[in-house]
Amino acid sequence: EININGMTVTEVKGYGRQKGHTELYRGAEYNIDFLP
């Protein structure tokens, strides 16, 4: 809307204050530290 039309976008993963979360996969618990 302010005529900024060019940018580069990258999918990254990060770790900070969110501290990730825990997920269950096939009955095992995994810590997901790096969030998308």
Full PDB file with SEQRES, HELIX, SHEET, SSBOND, CRYST1, ORIGX, SCALE, CONECT and MASTER records, all heavy atoms in Angstrom:
SEQRES   1 A   36  GLU ILE ASN ILE ASN GLY MET THR VAL THR GLU VAL LYS          
SEQRES   2 A   36  GLY TYR GLY ARG GLN LYS GLY HIS THR GLU LEU TYR ARG          
SEQRES   3 A   36  GLY ALA GLU TYR ASN ILE ASP PHE LEU PRO                      
SHEET    1 AA1 2 HIS A  21  TYR A  25  0                                        
SHEET    2 AA1 2 ALA A  28  ILE A  32 -1                                        
CRYST1    1.000    1.000    1.000  90.00  90.00  90.00 P 1           1          
ORIGX1      1.000000  0.000000  0.000000        0.00000                         
ORIGX2      0.000000  1.000000  0.000000        0.00000                         
ORIGX3      0.000000  0.000000  1.000000        0.00000                         
SCALE1      1.000000  0.000000  0.000000        0.00000                         
SCALE2      0.000000  1.000000  0.000000        0.00000                         
SCALE3      0.000000  0.000000  1.000000        0.00000                         
ATOM      1  N   GLU A   1       0.815  -1.220   0.000  1.00  0.00           N  
ATOM      2  CA  GLU A   1       0.000   0.000   0.000  1.00  0.00           C  
ATOM      3  C   GLU A   1       0.847   1.268   0.000  1.00  0.00           C  
ATOM      4  O   GLU A   1       0.369   2.322  -0.401  1.00  0.00           O  
ATOM      5  CB  GLU A   1      -0.958  -0.014   1.196  1.00  0.00           C  
ATOM      6  CG  GLU A   1      -2.071  -1.027   1.062  1.00  0.00           C  
ATOM      7  CD  GLU A   1      -2.959  -1.095   2.290  1.00  0.00           C  
ATOM      8  OE1 GLU A   1      -2.839  -0.229   3.186  1.00  0.00           O  
ATOM      9  OE2 GLU A   1      -3.770  -2.036   2.350  1.00  0.00           O  
ATOM     10  N   ILE A   2       2.106   1.176   0.462  1.00  0.00           N  
ATOM     11  CA  ILE A   2       2.997   2.344   0.406  1.00  0.00           C  
ATOM     12  C   ILE A   2       4.088   2.129  -0.650  1.00  0.00           C  
ATOM     13  O   ILE A   2       5.177   2.693  -0.571  1.00  0.00           O  
ATOM     14  CB  ILE A   2       3.608   2.679   1.786  1.00  0.00           C  
ATOM     15  CG1 ILE A   2       4.488   1.558   2.310  1.00  0.00           C  
ATOM     16  CG2 ILE A   2       2.532   3.058   2.771  1.00  0.00           C  
ATOM     17  CD1 ILE A   2       5.417   1.980   3.424  1.00  0.00           C  
ATOM     18  N   ASN A   3       3.776   1.281  -1.645  1.00  0.00           N  
ATOM     19  CA  ASN A   3       4.656   1.024  -2.789  1.00  0.00           C  
ATOM     20  C   ASN A   3       5.977   0.363  -2.431  1.00  0.00           C  
ATOM     21  O   ASN A   3       6.987   0.608  -3.090  1.00  0.00           O  
ATOM     22  CB  ASN A   3       4.893   2.301  -3.598  1.00  0.00           C  
ATOM     23  CG  ASN A   3       3.634   2.782  -4.266  1.00  0.00           C  
ATOM     24  OD1 ASN A   3       2.839   1.970  -4.743  1.00  0.00           O  
ATOM     25  ND2 ASN A   3       3.427   4.081  -4.270  1.00  0.00           N  
ATOM     26  N   ILE A   4       5.981  -0.474  -1.411  1.00  0.00           N  
ATOM     27  CA  ILE A   4       7.134  -1.332  -1.129  1.00  0.00           C  
ATOM     28  C   ILE A   4       6.744  -2.700  -1.668  1.00  0.00           C  
ATOM     29  O   ILE A   4       5.972  -3.422  -1.052  1.00  0.00           O  
ATOM     30  CB  ILE A   4       7.452  -1.412   0.384  1.00  0.00           C  
ATOM     31  CG1 ILE A   4       7.674  -0.029   0.970  1.00  0.00           C  
ATOM     32  CG2 ILE A   4       8.637  -2.333   0.633  1.00  0.00           C  
ATOM     33  CD1 ILE A   4       8.892   0.700   0.451  1.00  0.00           C  
ATOM     34  N   ASN A   5       7.256  -3.032  -2.846  1.00  0.00           N  
ATOM     35  CA  ASN A   5       6.818  -4.239  -3.525  1.00  0.00           C  
ATOM     36  C   ASN A   5       7.890  -5.314  -3.621  1.00  0.00           C  
ATOM     37  O   ASN A   5       7.590  -6.438  -3.965  1.00  0.00           O  
ATOM     38  CB  ASN A   5       6.313  -3.901  -4.930  1.00  0.00           C  
ATOM     39  CG  ASN A   5       5.109  -2.992  -4.872  1.00  0.00           C  
ATOM     40  OD1 ASN A   5       4.169  -3.267  -4.158  1.00  0.00           O  
ATOM     41  ND2 ASN A   5       5.149  -1.897  -5.600  1.00  0.00           N  
ATOM     42  N   GLY A   6       9.135  -4.971  -3.351  1.00  0.00           N  
ATOM     43  CA  GLY A   6      10.200  -5.954  -3.458  1.00  0.00           C  
ATOM     44  C   GLY A   6      10.681  -6.399  -2.094  1.00  0.00           C  
ATOM     45  O   GLY A   6      10.939  -5.581  -1.214  1.00  0.00           O  
ATOM     46  N   MET A   7      10.750  -7.706  -1.905  1.00  0.00           N  
ATOM     47  CA  MET A   7      11.267  -8.242  -0.650  1.00  0.00           C  
ATOM     48  C   MET A   7      11.736  -9.662  -0.898  1.00  0.00           C  
ATOM     49  O   MET A   7      11.321 -10.302  -1.861  1.00  0.00           O  
ATOM     50  CB  MET A   7      10.215  -8.212   0.453  1.00  0.00           C  
ATOM     51  CG  MET A   7       9.039  -9.120   0.231  1.00  0.00           C  
ATOM     52  SD  MET A   7       7.863  -9.183   1.599  1.00  0.00           S  
ATOM     53  CE  MET A   7       7.193  -7.544   1.576  1.00  0.00           C  
ATOM     54  N   THR A   8      12.609 -10.125  -0.025  1.00  0.00           N  
ATOM     55  CA  THR A   8      13.040 -11.513  -0.041  1.00  0.00           C  
ATOM     56  C   THR A   8      12.470 -12.170   1.200  1.00  0.00           C  
ATOM     57  O   THR A   8      12.562 -11.619   2.298  1.00  0.00           O  
ATOM     58  CB  THR A   8      14.579 -11.607  -0.042  1.00  0.00           C  
ATOM     59  OG1 THR A   8      15.087 -10.932  -1.184  1.00  0.00           O  
ATOM     60  CG2 THR A   8      15.042 -13.048  -0.056  1.00  0.00           C  
ATOM     61  N   VAL A   9      11.864 -13.339   1.028  1.00  0.00           N  
ATOM     62  CA  VAL A   9      11.229 -14.046   2.136  1.00  0.00           C  
ATOM     63  C   VAL A   9      11.868 -15.427   2.254  1.00  0.00           C  
ATOM     64  O   VAL A   9      12.004 -16.135   1.262  1.00  0.00           O  
ATOM     65  CB  VAL A   9       9.709 -14.179   1.900  1.00  0.00           C  
ATOM     66  CG1 VAL A   9       9.060 -14.985   2.996  1.00  0.00           C  
ATOM     67  CG2 VAL A   9       9.077 -12.805   1.783  1.00  0.00           C  
ATOM     68  N   THR A  10      12.253 -15.767   3.479  1.00  0.00           N  
ATOM     69  CA  THR A  10      12.893 -17.050   3.746  1.00  0.00           C  
ATOM     70  C   THR A  10      12.188 -17.728   4.913  1.00  0.00           C  
ATOM     71  O   THR A  10      11.870 -17.068   5.902  1.00  0.00           O  
ATOM     72  CB  THR A  10      14.382 -16.848   4.125  1.00  0.00           C  
ATOM     73  OG1 THR A  10      15.008 -15.999   3.166  1.00  0.00           O  
ATOM     74  CG2 THR A  10      15.117 -18.162   4.181  1.00  0.00           C  
ATOM     75  N   GLU A  11      11.961 -19.024   4.790  1.00  0.00           N  
ATOM     76  CA  GLU A  11      11.430 -19.789   5.916  1.00  0.00           C  
ATOM     77  C   GLU A  11      12.606 -20.144   6.814  1.00  0.00           C  
ATOM     78  O   GLU A  11      13.592 -20.732   6.358  1.00  0.00           O  
ATOM     79  CB  GLU A  11      10.735 -21.054   5.434  1.00  0.00           C  
ATOM     80  CG  GLU A  11       9.470 -20.776   4.661  1.00  0.00           C  
ATOM     81  CD  GLU A  11       8.780 -22.046   4.190  1.00  0.00           C  
ATOM     82  OE1 GLU A  11       9.183 -23.155   4.600  1.00  0.00           O  
ATOM     83  OE2 GLU A  11       7.834 -21.914   3.406  1.00  0.00           O  
ATOM     84  N   VAL A  12      12.516 -19.752   8.082  1.00  0.00           N  
ATOM     85  CA  VAL A  12      13.591 -20.002   9.041  1.00  0.00           C  
ATOM     86  C   VAL A  12      13.000 -20.640  10.294  1.00  0.00           C  
ATOM     87  O   VAL A  12      11.787 -20.741  10.438  1.00  0.00           O  
ATOM     88  CB  VAL A  12      14.357 -18.698   9.396  1.00  0.00           C  
ATOM     89  CG1 VAL A  12      15.067 -18.132   8.179  1.00  0.00           C  
ATOM     90  CG2 VAL A  12      13.417 -17.660   9.999  1.00  0.00           C  
ATOM     91  N   LYS A  13      13.874 -21.063  11.182  1.00  0.00           N  
ATOM     92  CA  LYS A  13      13.441 -21.578  12.477  1.00  0.00           C  
ATOM     93  C   LYS A  13      14.163 -20.800  13.554  1.00  0.00           C  
ATOM     94  O   LYS A  13      15.308 -20.403  13.373  1.00  0.00           O  
ATOM     95  CB  LYS A  13      13.740 -23.069  12.604  1.00  0.00           C  
ATOM     96  CG  LYS A  13      12.912 -23.902  11.662  1.00  0.00           C  
ATOM     97  CD  LYS A  13      13.115 -25.369  11.896  1.00  0.00           C  
ATOM     98  CE  LYS A  13      12.208 -26.124  10.937  1.00  0.00           C  
ATOM     99  NZ  LYS A  13      12.005 -27.477  11.362  1.00  0.00           N  
ATOM    100  N   GLY A  14      13.482 -20.568  14.663  1.00  0.00           N  
ATOM    101  CA  GLY A  14      14.079 -19.767  15.720  1.00  0.00           C  
ATOM    102  C   GLY A  14      13.801 -20.313  17.100  1.00  0.00           C  
ATOM    103  O   GLY A  14      12.864 -21.081  17.315  1.00  0.00           O  
ATOM    104  N   TYR A  15      14.630 -19.880  18.021  1.00  0.00           N  
ATOM    105  CA  TYR A  15      14.513 -20.274  19.417  1.00  0.00           C  
ATOM    106  C   TYR A  15      14.683 -19.022  20.256  1.00  0.00           C  
ATOM    107  O   TYR A  15      15.634 -18.268  20.071  1.00  0.00           O  
ATOM    108  CB  TYR A  15      15.595 -21.296  19.760  1.00  0.00           C  
ATOM    109  CG  TYR A  15      15.591 -21.715  21.206  1.00  0.00           C  
ATOM    110  CD1 TYR A  15      14.747 -22.718  21.650  1.00  0.00           C  
ATOM    111  CD2 TYR A  15      16.430 -21.113  22.126  1.00  0.00           C  
ATOM    112  CE1 TYR A  15      14.747 -23.121  22.966  1.00  0.00           C  
ATOM    113  CE2 TYR A  15      16.435 -21.493  23.454  1.00  0.00           C  
ATOM    114  CZ  TYR A  15      15.595 -22.503  23.870  1.00  0.00           C  
ATOM    115  OH  TYR A  15      15.588 -22.876  25.173  1.00  0.00           O  
ATOM    116  N   GLY A  16      13.750 -18.782  21.142  1.00  0.00           N  
ATOM    117  CA  GLY A  16      13.840 -17.599  21.990  1.00  0.00           C  
ATOM    118  C   GLY A  16      13.009 -17.791  23.235  1.00  0.00           C  
ATOM    119  O   GLY A  16      12.989 -18.869  23.819  1.00  0.00           O  
ATOM    120  N   ARG A  17      12.300 -16.764  23.619  1.00  0.00           N  
ATOM    121  CA  ARG A  17      11.487 -16.817  24.834  1.00  0.00           C  
ATOM    122  C   ARG A  17      10.331 -17.793  24.751  1.00  0.00           C  
ATOM    123  O   ARG A  17       9.809 -18.234  25.754  1.00  0.00           O  
ATOM    124  CB  ARG A  17      10.952 -15.428  25.168  1.00  0.00           C  
ATOM    125  CG  ARG A  17      12.042 -14.508  25.646  1.00  0.00           C  
ATOM    126  CD  ARG A  17      11.452 -13.223  26.128  1.00  0.00           C  
ATOM    127  NE  ARG A  17      12.515 -12.328  26.553  1.00  0.00           N  
ATOM    128  CZ  ARG A  17      12.343 -11.062  26.800  1.00  0.00           C  
ATOM    129  NH1 ARG A  17      11.156 -10.524  26.662  1.00  0.00           N  
ATOM    130  NH2 ARG A  17      13.355 -10.313  27.183  1.00  0.00           N  
ATOM    131  N   GLN A  18       9.905 -18.126  23.540  1.00  0.00           N  
ATOM    132  CA  GLN A  18       8.798 -19.074  23.398  1.00  0.00           C  
ATOM    133  C   GLN A  18       9.171 -20.448  23.930  1.00  0.00           C  
ATOM    134  O   GLN A  18       8.317 -21.202  24.343  1.00  0.00           O  
ATOM    135  CB  GLN A  18       8.396 -19.210  21.922  1.00  0.00           C  
ATOM    136  CG  GLN A  18       7.398 -18.183  21.482  1.00  0.00           C  
ATOM    137  CD  GLN A  18       6.984 -18.411  20.058  1.00  0.00           C  
ATOM    138  OE1 GLN A  18       7.791 -18.278  19.151  1.00  0.00           O  
ATOM    139  NE2 GLN A  18       5.734 -18.765  19.854  1.00  0.00           N  
ATOM    140  N   LYS A  19      10.422 -20.798  23.880  1.00  0.00           N  
ATOM    141  CA  LYS A  19      10.963 -22.055  24.412  1.00  0.00           C  
ATOM    142  C   LYS A  19      10.428 -23.307  23.730  1.00  0.00           C  
ATOM    143  O   LYS A  19      10.574 -24.399  24.221  1.00  0.00           O  
ATOM    144  CB  LYS A  19      10.704 -22.175  25.926  1.00  0.00           C  
ATOM    145  CG  LYS A  19      11.210 -21.023  26.737  1.00  0.00           C  
ATOM    146  CD  LYS A  19      12.693 -21.105  26.934  1.00  0.00           C  
ATOM    147  CE  LYS A  19      13.132 -20.096  27.968  1.00  0.00           C  
ATOM    148  NZ  LYS A  19      14.135 -19.201  27.553  1.00  0.00           N  
ATOM    149  N   GLY A  20       9.807 -23.153  22.585  1.00  0.00           N  
ATOM    150  CA  GLY A  20       9.320 -24.326  21.866  1.00  0.00           C  
ATOM    151  C   GLY A  20       8.109 -24.959  22.525  1.00  0.00           C  
ATOM    152  O   GLY A  20       7.440 -24.356  23.352  1.00  0.00           O  
ATOM    153  N   HIS A  21       7.848 -26.207  22.163  1.00  0.00           N  
ATOM    154  CA  HIS A  21       6.725 -26.940  22.725  1.00  0.00           C  
ATOM    155  C   HIS A  21       6.980 -28.441  22.593  1.00  0.00           C  
ATOM    156  O   HIS A  21       7.944 -28.864  21.978  1.00  0.00           O  
ATOM    157  CB  HIS A  21       5.408 -26.533  22.053  1.00  0.00           C  
ATOM    158  CG  HIS A  21       5.377 -26.809  20.586  1.00  0.00           C  
ATOM    159  ND1 HIS A  21       5.916 -25.973  19.654  1.00  0.00           N  
ATOM    160  CD2 HIS A  21       4.871 -27.860  19.887  1.00  0.00           C  
ATOM    161  CE1 HIS A  21       5.754 -26.471  18.445  1.00  0.00           C  
ATOM    162  NE2 HIS A  21       5.123 -27.616  18.555  1.00  0.00           N  
ATOM    163  N   THR A  22       6.095 -29.243  23.160  1.00  0.00           N  
ATOM    164  CA  THR A  22       6.221 -30.701  23.126  1.00  0.00           C  
ATOM    165  C   THR A  22       5.147 -31.274  22.216  1.00  0.00           C  
ATOM    166  O   THR A  22       4.010 -30.819  22.218  1.00  0.00           O  
ATOM    167  CB  THR A  22       6.063 -31.272  24.554  1.00  0.00           C  
ATOM    168  OG1 THR A  22       7.001 -30.641  25.399  1.00  0.00           O  
ATOM    169  CG2 THR A  22       6.302 -32.752  24.581  1.00  0.00           C  
ATOM    170  N   GLU A  23       5.529 -32.262  21.408  1.00  0.00           N  
ATOM    171  CA  GLU A  23       4.572 -32.934  20.529  1.00  0.00           C  
ATOM    172  C   GLU A  23       4.658 -34.430  20.729  1.00  0.00           C  
ATOM    173  O   GLU A  23       5.712 -34.962  21.084  1.00  0.00           O  
ATOM    174  CB  GLU A  23       4.869 -32.609  19.054  1.00  0.00           C  
ATOM    175  CG  GLU A  23       4.509 -31.209  18.655  1.00  0.00           C  
ATOM    176  CD  GLU A  23       4.671 -30.978  17.163  1.00  0.00           C  
ATOM    177  OE1 GLU A  23       5.006 -31.921  16.431  1.00  0.00           O  
ATOM    178  OE2 GLU A  23       4.456 -29.829  16.748  1.00  0.00           O  
ATOM    179  N   LEU A  24       3.540 -35.119  20.503  1.00  0.00           N  
ATOM    180  CA  LEU A  24       3.508 -36.575  20.542  1.00  0.00           C  
ATOM    181  C   LEU A  24       3.547 -37.108  19.122  1.00  0.00           C  
ATOM    182  O   LEU A  24       2.821 -36.629  18.241  1.00  0.00           O  
ATOM    183  CB  LEU A  24       2.232 -37.069  21.223  1.00  0.00           C  
ATOM    184  CG  LEU A  24       2.197 -36.974  22.737  1.00  0.00           C  
ATOM    185  CD1 LEU A  24       0.814 -37.362  23.250  1.00  0.00           C  
ATOM    186  CD2 LEU A  24       3.250 -37.861  23.358  1.00  0.00           C  
ATOM    187  N   TYR A  25       4.420 -38.095  18.882  1.00  0.00           N  
ATOM    188  CA  TYR A  25       4.502 -38.723  17.568  1.00  0.00           C  
ATOM    189  C   TYR A  25       4.672 -40.214  17.791  1.00  0.00           C  
ATOM    190  O   TYR A  25       5.659 -40.661  18.388  1.00  0.00           O  
ATOM    191  CB  TYR A  25       5.667 -38.156  16.762  1.00  0.00           C  
ATOM    192  CG  TYR A  25       5.826 -38.789  15.410  1.00  0.00           C  
ATOM    193  CD1 TYR A  25       4.912 -38.533  14.394  1.00  0.00           C  
ATOM    194  CD2 TYR A  25       6.869 -39.667  15.155  1.00  0.00           C  
ATOM    195  CE1 TYR A  25       5.040 -39.117  13.152  1.00  0.00           C  
ATOM    196  CE2 TYR A  25       7.016 -40.263  13.909  1.00  0.00           C  
ATOM    197  CZ  TYR A  25       6.097 -39.983  12.912  1.00  0.00           C  
ATOM    198  OH  TYR A  25       6.218 -40.574  11.678  1.00  0.00           O  
ATOM    199  N   ARG A  26       3.687 -40.995  17.368  1.00  0.00           N  
ATOM    200  CA  ARG A  26       3.681 -42.452  17.534  1.00  0.00           C  
ATOM    201  C   ARG A  26       3.929 -42.865  18.982  1.00  0.00           C  
ATOM    202  O   ARG A  26       4.711 -43.751  19.284  1.00  0.00           O  
ATOM    203  CB  ARG A  26       4.707 -43.096  16.616  1.00  0.00           C  
ATOM    204  CG  ARG A  26       4.359 -42.929  15.160  1.00  0.00           C  
ATOM    205  CD  ARG A  26       5.265 -43.725  14.286  1.00  0.00           C  
ATOM    206  NE  ARG A  26       4.858 -43.558  12.893  1.00  0.00           N  
ATOM    207  CZ  ARG A  26       5.430 -44.183  11.902  1.00  0.00           C  
ATOM    208  NH1 ARG A  26       6.428 -45.008  12.113  1.00  0.00           N  
ATOM    209  NH2 ARG A  26       5.010 -43.982  10.672  1.00  0.00           N  
ATOM    210  N   GLY A  27       3.299 -42.146  19.876  1.00  0.00           N  
ATOM    211  CA  GLY A  27       3.359 -42.483  21.283  1.00  0.00           C  
ATOM    212  C   GLY A  27       4.581 -41.952  22.017  1.00  0.00           C  
ATOM    213  O   GLY A  27       4.680 -42.081  23.225  1.00  0.00           O  
ATOM    214  N   ALA A  28       5.515 -41.348  21.309  1.00  0.00           N  
ATOM    215  CA  ALA A  28       6.710 -40.790  21.954  1.00  0.00           C  
ATOM    216  C   ALA A  28       6.592 -39.278  22.011  1.00  0.00           C  
ATOM    217  O   ALA A  28       6.033 -38.640  21.113  1.00  0.00           O  
ATOM    218  CB  ALA A  28       7.966 -41.189  21.182  1.00  0.00           C  
ATOM    219  N   GLU A  29       7.140 -38.715  23.066  1.00  0.00           N  
ATOM    220  CA  GLU A  29       7.081 -37.266  23.263  1.00  0.00           C  
ATOM    221  C   GLU A  29       8.373 -36.624  22.754  1.00  0.00           C  
ATOM    222  O   GLU A  29       9.471 -37.084  23.058  1.00  0.00           O  
ATOM    223  CB  GLU A  29       6.908 -36.984  24.762  1.00  0.00           C  
ATOM    224  CG  GLU A  29       6.445 -35.594  25.063  1.00  0.00           C  
ATOM    225  CD  GLU A  29       6.087 -35.437  26.533  1.00  0.00           C  
ATOM    226  OE1 GLU A  29       4.939 -35.754  26.902  1.00  0.00           O  
ATOM    227  OE2 GLU A  29       6.971 -35.005  27.289  1.00  0.00           O  
ATOM    228  N   TYR A  30       8.238 -35.560  21.959  1.00  0.00           N  
ATOM    229  CA  TYR A  30       9.400 -34.870  21.397  1.00  0.00           C  
ATOM    230  C   TYR A  30       9.336 -33.391  21.754  1.00  0.00           C  
ATOM    231  O   TYR A  30       8.272 -32.781  21.704  1.00  0.00           O  
ATOM    232  CB  TYR A  30       9.415 -34.989  19.862  1.00  0.00           C  
ATOM    233  CG  TYR A  30       9.675 -36.390  19.374  1.00  0.00           C  
ATOM    234  CD1 TYR A  30       8.615 -37.240  19.099  1.00  0.00           C  
ATOM    235  CD2 TYR A  30      10.973 -36.856  19.199  1.00  0.00           C  
ATOM    236  CE1 TYR A  30       8.827 -38.525  18.654  1.00  0.00           C  
ATOM    237  CE2 TYR A  30      11.200 -38.140  18.759  1.00  0.00           C  
ATOM    238  CZ  TYR A  30      10.136 -38.970  18.483  1.00  0.00           C  
ATOM    239  OH  TYR A  30      10.359 -40.254  18.048  1.00  0.00           O  
ATOM    240  N   ASN A  31      10.480 -32.827  22.094  1.00  0.00           N  
ATOM    241  CA  ASN A  31      10.572 -31.385  22.317  1.00  0.00           C  
ATOM    242  C   ASN A  31      10.888 -30.706  20.995  1.00  0.00           C  
ATOM    243  O   ASN A  31      11.854 -31.072  20.320  1.00  0.00           O  
ATOM    244  CB  ASN A  31      11.677 -31.047  23.330  1.00  0.00           C  
ATOM    245  CG  ASN A  31      11.257 -31.351  24.735  1.00  0.00           C  
ATOM    246  OD1 ASN A  31      10.076 -31.291  25.057  1.00  0.00           O  
ATOM    247  ND2 ASN A  31      12.210 -31.674  25.574  1.00  0.00           N  
ATOM    248  N   ILE A  32      10.086 -29.743  20.631  1.00  0.00           N  
ATOM    249  CA  ILE A  32      10.318 -28.947  19.433  1.00  0.00           C  
ATOM    250  C   ILE A  32      10.859 -27.606  19.910  1.00  0.00           C  
ATOM    251  O   ILE A  32      10.096 -26.752  20.366  1.00  0.00           O  
ATOM    252  CB  ILE A  32       9.019 -28.749  18.614  1.00  0.00           C  
ATOM    253  CG1 ILE A  32       8.333 -30.086  18.356  1.00  0.00           C  
ATOM    254  CG2 ILE A  32       9.302 -28.001  17.332  1.00  0.00           C  
ATOM    255  CD1 ILE A  32       9.113 -31.057  17.511  1.00  0.00           C  
ATOM    256  N   ASP A  33      12.182 -27.450  19.853  1.00  0.00           N  
ATOM    257  CA  ASP A  33      12.809 -26.227  20.355  1.00  0.00           C  
ATOM    258  C   ASP A  33      12.741 -25.089  19.340  1.00  0.00           C  
ATOM    259  O   ASP A  33      12.461 -23.961  19.682  1.00  0.00           O  
ATOM    260  CB  ASP A  33      14.271 -26.480  20.719  1.00  0.00           C  
ATOM    261  CG  ASP A  33      14.414 -27.379  21.936  1.00  0.00           C  
ATOM    262  OD1 ASP A  33      13.494 -27.379  22.768  1.00  0.00           O  
ATOM    263  OD2 ASP A  33      15.428 -28.076  22.032  1.00  0.00           O  
ATOM    264  N   PHE A  34      13.034 -25.401  18.083  1.00  0.00           N  
ATOM    265  CA  PHE A  34      13.078 -24.367  17.058  1.00  0.00           C  
ATOM    266  C   PHE A  34      11.719 -24.281  16.378  1.00  0.00           C  
ATOM    267  O   PHE A  34      11.242 -25.242  15.788  1.00  0.00           O  
ATOM    268  CB  PHE A  34      14.171 -24.676  16.029  1.00  0.00           C  
ATOM    269  CG  PHE A  34      15.550 -24.546  16.608  1.00  0.00           C  
ATOM    270  CD1 PHE A  34      16.221 -25.644  17.098  1.00  0.00           C  
ATOM    271  CD2 PHE A  34      16.160 -23.307  16.676  1.00  0.00           C  
ATOM    272  CE1 PHE A  34      17.486 -25.520  17.640  1.00  0.00           C  
ATOM    273  CE2 PHE A  34      17.421 -23.166  17.221  1.00  0.00           C  
ATOM    274  CZ  PHE A  34      18.080 -24.276  17.702  1.00  0.00           C  
ATOM    275  N   LEU A  35      11.120 -23.098  16.471  1.00  0.00           N  
ATOM    276  CA  LEU A  35       9.786 -22.893  15.916  1.00  0.00           C  
ATOM    277  C   LEU A  35       9.877 -22.234  14.548  1.00  0.00           C  
ATOM    278  O   LEU A  35      10.778 -21.425  14.295  1.00  0.00           O  
ATOM    279  CB  LEU A  35       8.976 -22.016  16.869  1.00  0.00           C  
ATOM    280  CG  LEU A  35       8.766 -22.618  18.247  1.00  0.00           C  
ATOM    281  CD1 LEU A  35       8.092 -21.616  19.164  1.00  0.00           C  
ATOM    282  CD2 LEU A  35       7.951 -23.891  18.163  1.00  0.00           C  
ATOM    283  N   PRO A  36       8.944 -22.535  13.638  1.00  0.00           N  
ATOM    284  CA  PRO A  36       8.981 -21.939  12.303  1.00  0.00           C  
ATOM    285  C   PRO A  36       8.705 -20.437  12.354  1.00  0.00           C  
ATOM    286  O   PRO A  36       7.810 -19.977  13.068  1.00  0.00           O  
ATOM    287  CB  PRO A  36       7.886 -22.676  11.545  1.00  0.00           C  
ATOM    288  CG  PRO A  36       7.025 -23.293  12.579  1.00  0.00           C  
ATOM    289  CD  PRO A  36       7.847 -23.468  13.816  1.00  0.00           C  
TER     290      PRO A  36                                                      
MASTER        0    0    0    0    2    0    0    6  289    1    0    3          
END                                                                             
